Amino acid sequence: MRRIAAARLRHCGLQEMTGDAMLIVSELLTNAVLHSGATEISLSVAVRDGFLHIAVRDGMPGCAAQKAEDDDAESGRGLALVDALAAGRGGTWGTTDAGATTWCRLSVPSERS
């Protein structure tokens, strides 16, 4: 799925966003695989209204939420990372459909939007 998303970014001329987008895709997909119990997970990557929209749908209700982890924890920082990357790119993240979809949007550089 990461390769597909990277190809989509190249197709849209957004190679400079690949690093951040791939990290976000990885975190959202990993959360869906590890925590949803779903048998099907979908990824959507689209550019519209000046934003790169990334959405992972697992179809299972239950909202993703950031955890406050201690410094020694080996996991639990993924959504904090998504939040920081989105904020750094003028975007945000959240959930819809009672948590069945977790999404992120990143502002597209002005010369590309």
C-alpha atoms as a PDB file:
ATOM      1  CA  MET A   1       0.000   0.000   0.000  1.00  0.00           C
ATOM      2  CA  ARG A   2       2.921   2.320   0.674  1.00  0.00           C
ATOM      3  CA  ARG A   3       4.224   1.786  -2.863  1.00  0.00           C
ATOM      4  CA  ILE A   4       0.795   2.541  -4.299  1.00  0.00           C
ATOM      5  CA  ALA A   5       0.546   5.726  -2.253  1.00  0.00           C
ATOM      6  CA  ALA A   6       4.062   6.795  -3.317  1.00  0.00           C
ATOM      7  CA  ALA A   7       3.153   6.176  -6.960  1.00  0.00           C
ATOM      8  CA  ARG A   8       0.019   8.304  -6.521  1.00  0.00           C
ATOM      9  CA  LEU A   9       2.108  11.155  -5.108  1.00  0.00           C
ATOM     10  CA  ARG A  10       4.536  10.924  -8.033  1.00  0.00           C
ATOM     11  CA  HIS A  11       1.597  10.956 -10.454  1.00  0.00           C
ATOM     12  CA  CYS A  12       0.309  14.141  -8.792  1.00  0.00           C
ATOM     13  CA  GLY A  13       3.765  15.773  -8.825  1.00  0.00           C
ATOM     14  CA  LEU A  14       4.017  15.712  -5.029  1.00  0.00           C
ATOM     15  CA  GLN A  15       7.272  13.806  -4.582  1.00  0.00           C
ATOM     16  CA  GLU A  16       8.439  16.313  -1.952  1.00  0.00           C
ATOM     17  CA  MET A  17       5.587  15.123   0.315  1.00  0.00           C
ATOM     18  CA  THR A  18       6.473  11.429  -0.004  1.00  0.00           C
ATOM     19  CA  GLY A  19       8.459  11.097   3.246  1.00  0.00           C
ATOM     20  CA  ASP A  20       5.772  12.567   5.498  1.00  0.00           C
ATOM     21  CA  ALA A  21       2.943  10.881   3.604  1.00  0.00           C
ATOM     22  CA  MET A  22       4.585   7.439   3.747  1.00  0.00           C
ATOM     23  CA  LEU A  23       5.121   7.731   7.484  1.00  0.00           C
ATOM     24  CA  ILE A  24       1.465   8.718   7.956  1.00  0.00           C
ATOM     25  CA  VAL A  25       0.252   5.890   5.706  1.00  0.00           C
ATOM     26  CA  SER A  26       2.392   3.429   7.673  1.00  0.00           C
ATOM     27  CA  GLU A  27       1.105   4.609  11.041  1.00  0.00           C
ATOM     28  CA  LEU A  28      -2.569   4.644  10.035  1.00  0.00           C
ATOM     29  CA  LEU A  29      -2.360   1.242   8.349  1.00  0.00           C
ATOM     30  CA  THR A  30      -0.463  -0.269  11.283  1.00  0.00           C
ATOM     31  CA  ASN A  31      -3.090   0.993  13.721  1.00  0.00           C
ATOM     32  CA  ALA A  32      -5.854  -0.505  11.578  1.00  0.00           C
ATOM     33  CA  VAL A  33      -4.101  -3.870  11.314  1.00  0.00           C
ATOM     34  CA  LEU A  34      -3.145  -4.093  14.992  1.00  0.00           C
ATOM     35  CA  HIS A  35      -6.220  -2.658  16.676  1.00  0.00           C
ATOM     36  CA  SER A  36      -9.315  -3.107  14.510  1.00  0.00           C
ATOM     37  CA  GLY A  37      -9.635  -6.856  14.057  1.00  0.00           C
ATOM     38  CA  ALA A  38     -10.916  -6.101  10.547  1.00  0.00           C
ATOM     39  CA  THR A  39     -10.448  -8.521   7.683  1.00  0.00           C
ATOM     40  CA  GLU A  40     -10.435  -5.757   5.044  1.00  0.00           C
ATOM     41  CA  ILE A  41      -8.663  -2.422   5.201  1.00  0.00           C
ATOM     42  CA  SER A  42      -8.695   0.230   2.484  1.00  0.00           C
ATOM     43  CA  LEU A  43      -6.417   3.167   1.757  1.00  0.00           C
ATOM     44  CA  SER A  44      -7.423   6.328  -0.069  1.00  0.00           C
ATOM     45  CA  VAL A  45      -4.961   8.974  -1.259  1.00  0.00           C
ATOM     46  CA  ALA A  46      -6.386  11.999  -3.080  1.00  0.00           C
ATOM     47  CA  VAL A  47      -5.569  15.631  -3.755  1.00  0.00           C
ATOM     48  CA  ARG A  48      -8.454  18.088  -3.522  1.00  0.00           C
ATOM     49  CA  ASP A  49      -9.085  21.611  -2.326  1.00  0.00           C
ATOM     50  CA  GLY A  50      -5.368  22.268  -1.776  1.00  0.00           C
ATOM     51  CA  PHE A  51      -4.853  19.274   0.530  1.00  0.00           C
ATOM     52  CA  LEU A  52      -3.458  15.777   0.249  1.00  0.00           C
ATOM     53  CA  HIS A  53      -6.087  13.555   1.862  1.00  0.00           C
ATOM     54  CA  ILE A  54      -5.031  10.180   3.271  1.00  0.00           C
ATOM     55  CA  ALA A  55      -7.706   7.894   4.721  1.00  0.00           C
ATOM     56  CA  VAL A  56      -7.562   4.359   6.094  1.00  0.00           C
ATOM     57  CA  ARG A  57     -10.859   2.577   6.561  1.00  0.00           C
ATOM     58  CA  ASP A  58     -11.105  -0.609   8.556  1.00  0.00           C
ATOM     59  CA  GLY A  59     -14.891  -0.618   8.923  1.00  0.00           C
ATOM     60  CA  MET A  60     -14.727  -1.202  12.664  1.00  0.00           C
ATOM     61  CA  PRO A  61     -16.165   1.416  15.008  1.00  0.00           C
ATOM     62  CA  GLY A  62     -13.938   2.803  17.723  1.00  0.00           C
ATOM     63  CA  CYS A  63     -12.022   6.044  17.587  1.00  0.00           C
ATOM     64  CA  ALA A  64      -8.275   6.229  17.329  1.00  0.00           C
ATOM     65  CA  ALA A  65      -6.844   8.389  20.084  1.00  0.00           C
ATOM     66  CA  GLN A  66      -3.405   9.592  21.059  1.00  0.00           C
ATOM     67  CA  LYS A  67      -1.962   7.952  24.159  1.00  0.00           C
ATOM     68  CA  ALA A  68       0.227   9.572  26.744  1.00  0.00           C
ATOM     69  CA  GLU A  69       3.160   7.157  26.844  1.00  0.00           C
ATOM     70  CA  ASP A  70       6.107   7.298  29.161  1.00  0.00           C
ATOM     71  CA  ASP A  71       9.588   7.849  27.751  1.00  0.00           C
ATOM     72  CA  ASP A  72      10.477   4.147  27.993  1.00  0.00           C
ATOM     73  CA  ALA A  73       7.441   2.835  26.086  1.00  0.00           C
ATOM     74  CA  GLU A  74       8.264   0.901  22.905  1.00  0.00           C
ATOM     75  CA  SER A  75       5.011   1.785  21.138  1.00  0.00           C
ATOM     76  CA  GLY A  76       2.083   4.167  21.323  1.00  0.00           C
ATOM     77  CA  ARG A  77       3.564   7.222  19.627  1.00  0.00           C
ATOM     78  CA  GLY A  78       2.130   6.730  16.134  1.00  0.00           C
ATOM     79  CA  LEU A  79      -0.812   9.119  16.335  1.00  0.00           C
ATOM     80  CA  ALA A  80       1.310  11.754  18.060  1.00  0.00           C
ATOM     81  CA  LEU A  81       3.651  11.476  15.096  1.00  0.00           C
ATOM     82  CA  VAL A  82       0.734  11.767  12.641  1.00  0.00           C
ATOM     83  CA  ASP A  83      -0.494  14.831  14.549  1.00  0.00           C
ATOM     84  CA  ALA A  84       2.940  16.479  14.445  1.00  0.00           C
ATOM     85  CA  LEU A  85       3.464  15.757  10.740  1.00  0.00           C
ATOM     86  CA  ALA A  86      -0.001  17.023   9.848  1.00  0.00           C
ATOM     87  CA  ALA A  87       0.431  20.197  11.895  1.00  0.00           C
ATOM     88  CA  GLY A  88       3.848  20.780  10.326  1.00  0.00           C
ATOM     89  CA  ARG A  89       2.227  20.630   6.888  1.00  0.00           C
ATOM     90  CA  GLY A  90      -0.702  22.910   7.790  1.00  0.00           C
ATOM     91  CA  GLY A  91      -3.147  20.045   8.192  1.00  0.00           C
ATOM     92  CA  THR A  92      -4.916  17.898  10.718  1.00  0.00           C
ATOM     93  CA  TRP A  93      -6.187  14.367  11.330  1.00  0.00           C
ATOM     94  CA  GLY A  94      -9.245  12.710  12.830  1.00  0.00           C
ATOM     95  CA  THR A  95     -11.787   9.916  12.530  1.00  0.00           C
ATOM     96  CA  THR A  96     -15.168   9.546  10.849  1.00  0.00           C
ATOM     97  CA  ASP A  97     -17.885   6.903  10.659  1.00  0.00           C
ATOM     98  CA  ALA A  98     -17.728   6.264  14.425  1.00  0.00           C
ATOM     99  CA  GLY A  99     -14.007   5.660  14.085  1.00  0.00           C
ATOM    100  CA  ALA A 100     -14.189   3.246  11.148  1.00  0.00           C
ATOM    101  CA  THR A 101     -12.057   5.654   9.089  1.00  0.00           C
ATOM    102  CA  THR A 102      -8.961   7.498  10.294  1.00  0.00           C
ATOM    103  CA  TRP A 103      -7.890  10.315   8.018  1.00  0.00           C
ATOM    104  CA  CYS A 104      -5.188  12.919   7.687  1.00  0.00           C
ATOM    105  CA  ARG A 105      -4.879  15.937   5.447  1.00  0.00           C
ATOM    106  CA  LEU A 106      -1.717  17.804   4.567  1.00  0.00           C
ATOM    107  CA  SER A 107      -1.571  21.166   2.871  1.00  0.00           C
ATOM    108  CA  VAL A 108      -0.218  20.867  -0.666  1.00  0.00           C
ATOM    109  CA  PRO A 109       2.562  23.346  -1.478  1.00  0.00           C
ATOM    110  CA  SER A 110       0.938  26.393  -3.109  1.00  0.00           C
ATOM    111  CA  GLU A 111       2.633  25.879  -6.479  1.00  0.00           C
ATOM    112  CA  ARG A 112       0.918  22.439  -6.712  1.00  0.00           C
ATOM    113  CA  SER A 113      -2.603  23.163  -5.436  1.00  0.00           C
END
